[in-house]
Amino acid sequence: MAETPGTRHEGLIVVGADGSDHARRALRFGMEEARLRGLPVRAVCAYEYTPDRYAAYGWLTAPDPDGALYRQVYDNALHDVTETVREVLAELGNPDVRVEPVAEPGRPAKVLLEASRDATMLVVGSRGSGMWGRLTLGSTSTEVVHNAHLPVVVLPPRDPEGDADGSEHERTALTGGRGTA
């Protein structure tokens, strides 16, 4: 069968996993979708850390000659995303889905887009920024949707009176990006 522009081979599903309830819902959705498609999942936790801080006195730098602080932040992020993956797999009844937990330093949208270069789909939660702009999407999900090179699923905020079990409500997720799901 001929491949048309925008067609992607089945590869893997990348999910933004920052530990928030929104990200847990995204991870649940991504794992369920991966199970249905027979694909692996890459659960990505992006984090920003710098020991440099600006104060009224100027730039202040915490001493870290051997990089131990950076390593500790990385280790904590990787541990947290691994634990979240384990918990969500257990909530789903431990489906036969291979999940690769990843922790990467950097701006979340940039890290997620880079991590999804070889992916079929990118899944993120919607955090919402309140009344200052992005009323239904958080800044990361907005940036991801606008710069995506693949289909993106952004899970809407939970319906406080509706279904929070990950079924029909989550299937109404907003889809953006280029290509087809």
C-alpha atoms as a PDB file:
ATOM      1  CA  MET A   1       0.000   0.000   0.000  1.00  0.00           C
ATOM      2  CA  ALA A   2       1.385   3.431  -0.903  1.00  0.00           C
ATOM      3  CA  GLU A   3       2.182   5.805   1.905  1.00  0.00           C
ATOM      4  CA  THR A   4       0.633   9.253   1.746  1.00  0.00           C
ATOM      5  CA  PRO A   5       2.130  12.379   3.271  1.00  0.00           C
ATOM      6  CA  GLY A   6       1.355  12.492   6.979  1.00  0.00           C
ATOM      7  CA  THR A   7       1.011   8.702   7.279  1.00  0.00           C
ATOM      8  CA  ARG A   8       3.040   7.370  10.194  1.00  0.00           C
ATOM      9  CA  HIS A   9       4.144   3.832  10.832  1.00  0.00           C
ATOM     10  CA  GLU A  10       3.012   2.382  14.116  1.00  0.00           C
ATOM     11  CA  GLY A  11       5.821   2.988  16.615  1.00  0.00           C
ATOM     12  CA  LEU A  12       5.077   3.996  20.166  1.00  0.00           C
ATOM     13  CA  ILE A  13       2.938   6.348  22.206  1.00  0.00           C
ATOM     14  CA  VAL A  14       4.643   9.135  24.158  1.00  0.00           C
ATOM     15  CA  VAL A  15       2.890  10.442  27.268  1.00  0.00           C
ATOM     16  CA  GLY A  16       3.744  13.520  29.316  1.00  0.00           C
ATOM     17  CA  ALA A  17       4.055  12.368  32.931  1.00  0.00           C
ATOM     18  CA  ASP A  18       4.717  15.136  35.460  1.00  0.00           C
ATOM     19  CA  GLY A  19       2.983  13.540  38.439  1.00  0.00           C
ATOM     20  CA  SER A  20      -0.130  15.735  38.312  1.00  0.00           C
ATOM     21  CA  ASP A  21      -3.654  14.270  38.223  1.00  0.00           C
ATOM     22  CA  HIS A  22      -3.927  15.516  34.629  1.00  0.00           C
ATOM     23  CA  ALA A  23      -0.767  13.648  33.665  1.00  0.00           C
ATOM     24  CA  ARG A  24      -1.937  10.470  35.428  1.00  0.00           C
ATOM     25  CA  ARG A  25      -5.107  10.587  33.342  1.00  0.00           C
ATOM     26  CA  ALA A  26      -2.980  11.077  30.224  1.00  0.00           C
ATOM     27  CA  LEU A  27      -0.828   8.110  31.211  1.00  0.00           C
ATOM     28  CA  ARG A  28      -3.912   5.975  31.763  1.00  0.00           C
ATOM     29  CA  PHE A  29      -5.289   6.972  28.357  1.00  0.00           C
ATOM     30  CA  GLY A  30      -1.924   6.378  26.649  1.00  0.00           C
ATOM     31  CA  MET A  31      -1.556   2.932  28.218  1.00  0.00           C
ATOM     32  CA  GLU A  32      -5.085   1.940  27.237  1.00  0.00           C
ATOM     33  CA  GLU A  33      -4.489   3.161  23.681  1.00  0.00           C
ATOM     34  CA  ALA A  34      -1.146   1.340  23.550  1.00  0.00           C
ATOM     35  CA  ARG A  35      -2.812  -1.879  24.701  1.00  0.00           C
ATOM     36  CA  LEU A  36      -5.430  -1.568  21.955  1.00  0.00           C
ATOM     37  CA  ARG A  37      -2.795  -0.871  19.290  1.00  0.00           C
ATOM     38  CA  GLY A  38      -0.178  -3.301  20.582  1.00  0.00           C
ATOM     39  CA  LEU A  39       2.371  -0.505  21.034  1.00  0.00           C
ATOM     40  CA  PRO A  40       4.874   0.408  23.740  1.00  0.00           C
ATOM     41  CA  VAL A  41       4.647   3.625  25.777  1.00  0.00           C
ATOM     42  CA  ARG A  42       7.346   6.156  26.592  1.00  0.00           C
ATOM     43  CA  ALA A  43       6.347   8.027  29.775  1.00  0.00           C
ATOM     44  CA  VAL A  44       8.313  11.291  29.783  1.00  0.00           C
ATOM     45  CA  CYS A  45       8.889  13.494  32.816  1.00  0.00           C
ATOM     46  CA  ALA A  46      10.450  16.821  31.827  1.00  0.00           C
ATOM     47  CA  TYR A  47      11.962  18.882  34.587  1.00  0.00           C
ATOM     48  CA  GLU A  48      13.723  22.208  34.845  1.00  0.00           C
ATOM     49  CA  TYR A  49      16.481  22.734  37.346  1.00  0.00           C
ATOM     50  CA  THR A  50      19.266  25.214  37.645  1.00  0.00           C
ATOM     51  CA  PRO A  51      21.227  26.117  40.755  1.00  0.00           C
ATOM     52  CA  ASP A  52      21.504  29.650  39.358  1.00  0.00           C
ATOM     53  CA  ARG A  53      19.010  32.126  40.745  1.00  0.00           C
ATOM     54  CA  TYR A  54      18.722  35.845  40.246  1.00  0.00           C
ATOM     55  CA  ALA A  55      18.314  37.992  43.343  1.00  0.00           C
ATOM     56  CA  ALA A  56      18.587  41.682  44.091  1.00  0.00           C
ATOM     57  CA  TYR A  57      22.290  41.046  44.653  1.00  0.00           C
ATOM     58  CA  GLY A  58      22.727  39.640  41.135  1.00  0.00           C
ATOM     59  CA  TRP A  59      23.137  36.058  39.929  1.00  0.00           C
ATOM     60  CA  LEU A  60      23.636  33.593  42.760  1.00  0.00           C
ATOM     61  CA  THR A  61      24.995  30.129  42.030  1.00  0.00           C
ATOM     62  CA  ALA A  62      24.827  27.180  44.398  1.00  0.00           C
ATOM     63  CA  PRO A  63      28.164  25.380  44.499  1.00  0.00           C
ATOM     64  CA  ASP A  64      27.922  22.027  42.719  1.00  0.00           C
ATOM     65  CA  PRO A  65      31.400  21.183  41.416  1.00  0.00           C
ATOM     66  CA  ASP A  66      30.714  17.482  40.804  1.00  0.00           C
ATOM     67  CA  GLY A  67      27.152  17.855  39.448  1.00  0.00           C
ATOM     68  CA  ALA A  68      25.626  16.014  42.413  1.00  0.00           C
ATOM     69  CA  LEU A  69      22.594  18.328  42.612  1.00  0.00           C
ATOM     70  CA  TYR A  70      21.783  17.781  38.919  1.00  0.00           C
ATOM     71  CA  ARG A  71      22.134  14.011  39.361  1.00  0.00           C
ATOM     72  CA  GLN A  72      19.886  14.058  42.436  1.00  0.00           C
ATOM     73  CA  VAL A  73      17.160  16.000  40.599  1.00  0.00           C
ATOM     74  CA  TYR A  74      17.398  13.585  37.648  1.00  0.00           C
ATOM     75  CA  ASP A  75      17.281  10.536  39.949  1.00  0.00           C
ATOM     76  CA  ASN A  76      14.238  11.942  41.781  1.00  0.00           C
ATOM     77  CA  ALA A  77      12.401  12.698  38.529  1.00  0.00           C
ATOM     78  CA  LEU A  78      13.132   9.230  37.116  1.00  0.00           C
ATOM     79  CA  HIS A  79      12.075   7.573  40.376  1.00  0.00           C
ATOM     80  CA  ASP A  80       8.830   9.551  40.459  1.00  0.00           C
ATOM     81  CA  VAL A  81       7.862   8.783  36.854  1.00  0.00           C
ATOM     82  CA  THR A  82       8.749   5.098  37.353  1.00  0.00           C
ATOM     83  CA  GLU A  83       6.546   4.944  40.464  1.00  0.00           C
ATOM     84  CA  THR A  84       3.687   6.688  38.668  1.00  0.00           C
ATOM     85  CA  VAL A  85       3.943   4.197  35.792  1.00  0.00           C
ATOM     86  CA  ARG A  86       3.879   1.294  38.265  1.00  0.00           C
ATOM     87  CA  GLU A  87       0.827   2.716  40.059  1.00  0.00           C
ATOM     88  CA  VAL A  88      -1.137   3.395  36.864  1.00  0.00           C
ATOM     89  CA  LEU A  89      -0.321  -0.061  35.479  1.00  0.00           C
ATOM     90  CA  ALA A  90      -1.663  -1.546  38.727  1.00  0.00           C
ATOM     91  CA  GLU A  91      -4.826   0.607  38.507  1.00  0.00           C
ATOM     92  CA  LEU A  92      -5.393  -0.769  34.998  1.00  0.00           C
ATOM     93  CA  GLY A  93      -4.956  -4.365  36.142  1.00  0.00           C
ATOM     94  CA  ASN A  94      -1.367  -4.675  34.887  1.00  0.00           C
ATOM     95  CA  PRO A  95      -2.100  -4.885  31.159  1.00  0.00           C
ATOM     96  CA  ASP A  96       0.534  -6.306  28.832  1.00  0.00           C
ATOM     97  CA  VAL A  97       1.975  -2.912  27.859  1.00  0.00           C
ATOM     98  CA  ARG A  98       5.695  -2.184  27.781  1.00  0.00           C
ATOM     99  CA  VAL A  99       6.405   1.224  29.328  1.00  0.00           C
ATOM    100  CA  GLU A 100       9.730   3.062  29.245  1.00  0.00           C
ATOM    101  CA  PRO A 101       9.969   5.717  31.995  1.00  0.00           C
ATOM    102  CA  VAL A 102      12.147   8.678  30.915  1.00  0.00           C
ATOM    103  CA  ALA A 103      13.296  11.815  32.755  1.00  0.00           C
ATOM    104  CA  GLU A 104      14.820  14.643  30.734  1.00  0.00           C
ATOM    105  CA  PRO A 105      15.871  18.156  31.719  1.00  0.00           C
ATOM    106  CA  GLY A 106      14.356  21.055  29.818  1.00  0.00           C
ATOM    107  CA  ARG A 107      11.163  22.903  28.999  1.00  0.00           C
ATOM    108  CA  PRO A 108       8.349  20.347  29.058  1.00  0.00           C
ATOM    109  CA  ALA A 109       6.924  21.078  25.590  1.00  0.00           C
ATOM    110  CA  LYS A 110      10.354  20.950  23.966  1.00  0.00           C
ATOM    111  CA  VAL A 111      11.286  17.716  25.756  1.00  0.00           C
ATOM    112  CA  LEU A 112       7.967  16.063  24.825  1.00  0.00           C
ATOM    113  CA  LEU A 113       8.227  17.057  21.169  1.00  0.00           C
ATOM    114  CA  GLU A 114      11.785  15.760  20.977  1.00  0.00           C
ATOM    115  CA  ALA A 115      10.873  12.510  22.768  1.00  0.00           C
ATOM    116  CA  SER A 116       8.051  11.933  20.275  1.00  0.00           C
ATOM    117  CA  ARG A 117      10.185  12.143  17.099  1.00  0.00           C
ATOM    118  CA  ASP A 118       9.759   8.394  16.511  1.00  0.00           C
ATOM    119  CA  ALA A 119       6.248   8.148  17.971  1.00  0.00           C
ATOM    120  CA  THR A 120       2.807   7.512  16.525  1.00  0.00           C
ATOM    121  CA  MET A 121       0.956   9.665  19.046  1.00  0.00           C
ATOM    122  CA  LEU A 122       1.662  12.131  21.852  1.00  0.00           C
ATOM    123  CA  VAL A 123      -0.701  12.285  24.841  1.00  0.00           C
ATOM    124  CA  VAL A 124      -0.750  15.109  27.378  1.00  0.00           C
ATOM    125  CA  GLY A 125      -3.085  16.263  30.091  1.00  0.00           C
ATOM    126  CA  SER A 126      -4.742  19.655  30.147  1.00  0.00           C
ATOM    127  CA  ARG A 127      -3.892  21.628  33.215  1.00  0.00           C
ATOM    128  CA  GLY A 128      -5.682  24.909  32.412  1.00  0.00           C
ATOM    129  CA  SER A 129      -4.154  28.274  33.224  1.00  0.00           C
ATOM    130  CA  GLY A 130      -7.206  29.977  34.609  1.00  0.00           C
ATOM    131  CA  MET A 131      -8.505  33.238  33.221  1.00  0.00           C
ATOM    132  CA  TRP A 132      -5.154  34.549  31.969  1.00  0.00           C
ATOM    133  CA  GLY A 133      -5.213  33.039  28.496  1.00  0.00           C
ATOM    134  CA  ARG A 134      -5.422  29.324  27.717  1.00  0.00           C
ATOM    135  CA  LEU A 135      -8.756  28.747  29.417  1.00  0.00           C
ATOM    136  CA  THR A 136      -8.942  25.044  28.578  1.00  0.00           C
ATOM    137  CA  LEU A 137      -5.322  24.123  27.841  1.00  0.00           C
ATOM    138  CA  GLY A 138      -2.196  24.542  29.905  1.00  0.00           C
ATOM    139  CA  SER A 139       0.866  26.228  28.405  1.00  0.00           C
ATOM    140  CA  THR A 140       2.648  22.912  27.726  1.00  0.00           C
ATOM    141  CA  SER A 141      -0.324  21.326  25.975  1.00  0.00           C
ATOM    142  CA  THR A 142      -0.926  24.499  23.960  1.00  0.00           C
ATOM    143  CA  GLU A 143       2.696  24.640  22.802  1.00  0.00           C
ATOM    144  CA  VAL A 144       2.744  20.926  21.995  1.00  0.00           C
ATOM    145  CA  VAL A 145      -0.420  21.131  19.884  1.00  0.00           C
ATOM    146  CA  HIS A 146       0.854  24.167  17.968  1.00  0.00           C
ATOM    147  CA  ASN A 147       4.254  22.627  17.218  1.00  0.00           C
ATOM    148  CA  ALA A 148       3.395  18.958  16.855  1.00  0.00           C
ATOM    149  CA  HIS A 149       4.735  16.784  14.046  1.00  0.00           C
ATOM    150  CA  LEU A 150       2.325  13.966  14.898  1.00  0.00           C
ATOM    151  CA  PRO A 151      -1.207  13.497  16.239  1.00  0.00           C
ATOM    152  CA  VAL A 152      -1.648  14.856  19.764  1.00  0.00           C
ATOM    153  CA  VAL A 153      -4.334  13.903  22.262  1.00  0.00           C
ATOM    154  CA  VAL A 154      -5.024  16.467  24.974  1.00  0.00           C
ATOM    155  CA  LEU A 155      -7.277  15.112  27.670  1.00  0.00           C
ATOM    156  CA  PRO A 156      -9.825  17.663  28.859  1.00  0.00           C
ATOM    157  CA  PRO A 157     -10.149  18.543  32.541  1.00  0.00           C
ATOM    158  CA  ARG A 158     -12.241  16.146  34.571  1.00  0.00           C
ATOM    159  CA  ASP A 159     -15.946  16.680  34.582  1.00  0.00           C
ATOM    160  CA  PRO A 160     -16.494  17.258  38.331  1.00  0.00           C
ATOM    161  CA  GLU A 161     -19.921  15.597  38.196  1.00  0.00           C
ATOM    162  CA  GLY A 162     -19.258  13.192  35.400  1.00  0.00           C
ATOM    163  CA  ASP A 163     -17.296  10.181  34.622  1.00  0.00           C
ATOM    164  CA  ALA A 164     -13.792  10.146  36.020  1.00  0.00           C
ATOM    165  CA  ASP A 165     -13.121   6.484  35.372  1.00  0.00           C
ATOM    166  CA  GLY A 166     -11.242   6.989  32.122  1.00  0.00           C
ATOM    167  CA  SER A 167     -13.974   5.763  29.800  1.00  0.00           C
ATOM    168  CA  GLU A 168     -16.288   7.754  27.533  1.00  0.00           C
ATOM    169  CA  HIS A 169     -15.391  11.165  28.946  1.00  0.00           C
ATOM    170  CA  GLU A 170     -11.708  10.643  28.181  1.00  0.00           C
ATOM    171  CA  ARG A 171     -12.497   9.346  24.719  1.00  0.00           C
ATOM    172  CA  THR A 172     -13.789  12.838  23.920  1.00  0.00           C
ATOM    173  CA  ALA A 173     -10.203  14.096  24.145  1.00  0.00           C
ATOM    174  CA  LEU A 174      -9.256  16.979  21.930  1.00  0.00           C
ATOM    175  CA  THR A 175      -7.048  15.943  19.019  1.00  0.00           C
ATOM    176  CA  GLY A 176      -4.607  18.295  17.301  1.00  0.00           C
ATOM    177  CA  GLY A 177      -1.316  18.178  15.432  1.00  0.00           C
ATOM    178  CA  ARG A 178      -0.720  16.938  11.944  1.00  0.00           C
ATOM    179  CA  GLY A 179      -1.520  13.551  10.488  1.00  0.00           C
ATOM    180  CA  THR A 180      -4.161  11.044  11.361  1.00  0.00           C
ATOM    181  CA  ALA A 181      -4.693   9.069  14.523  1.00  0.00           C
END
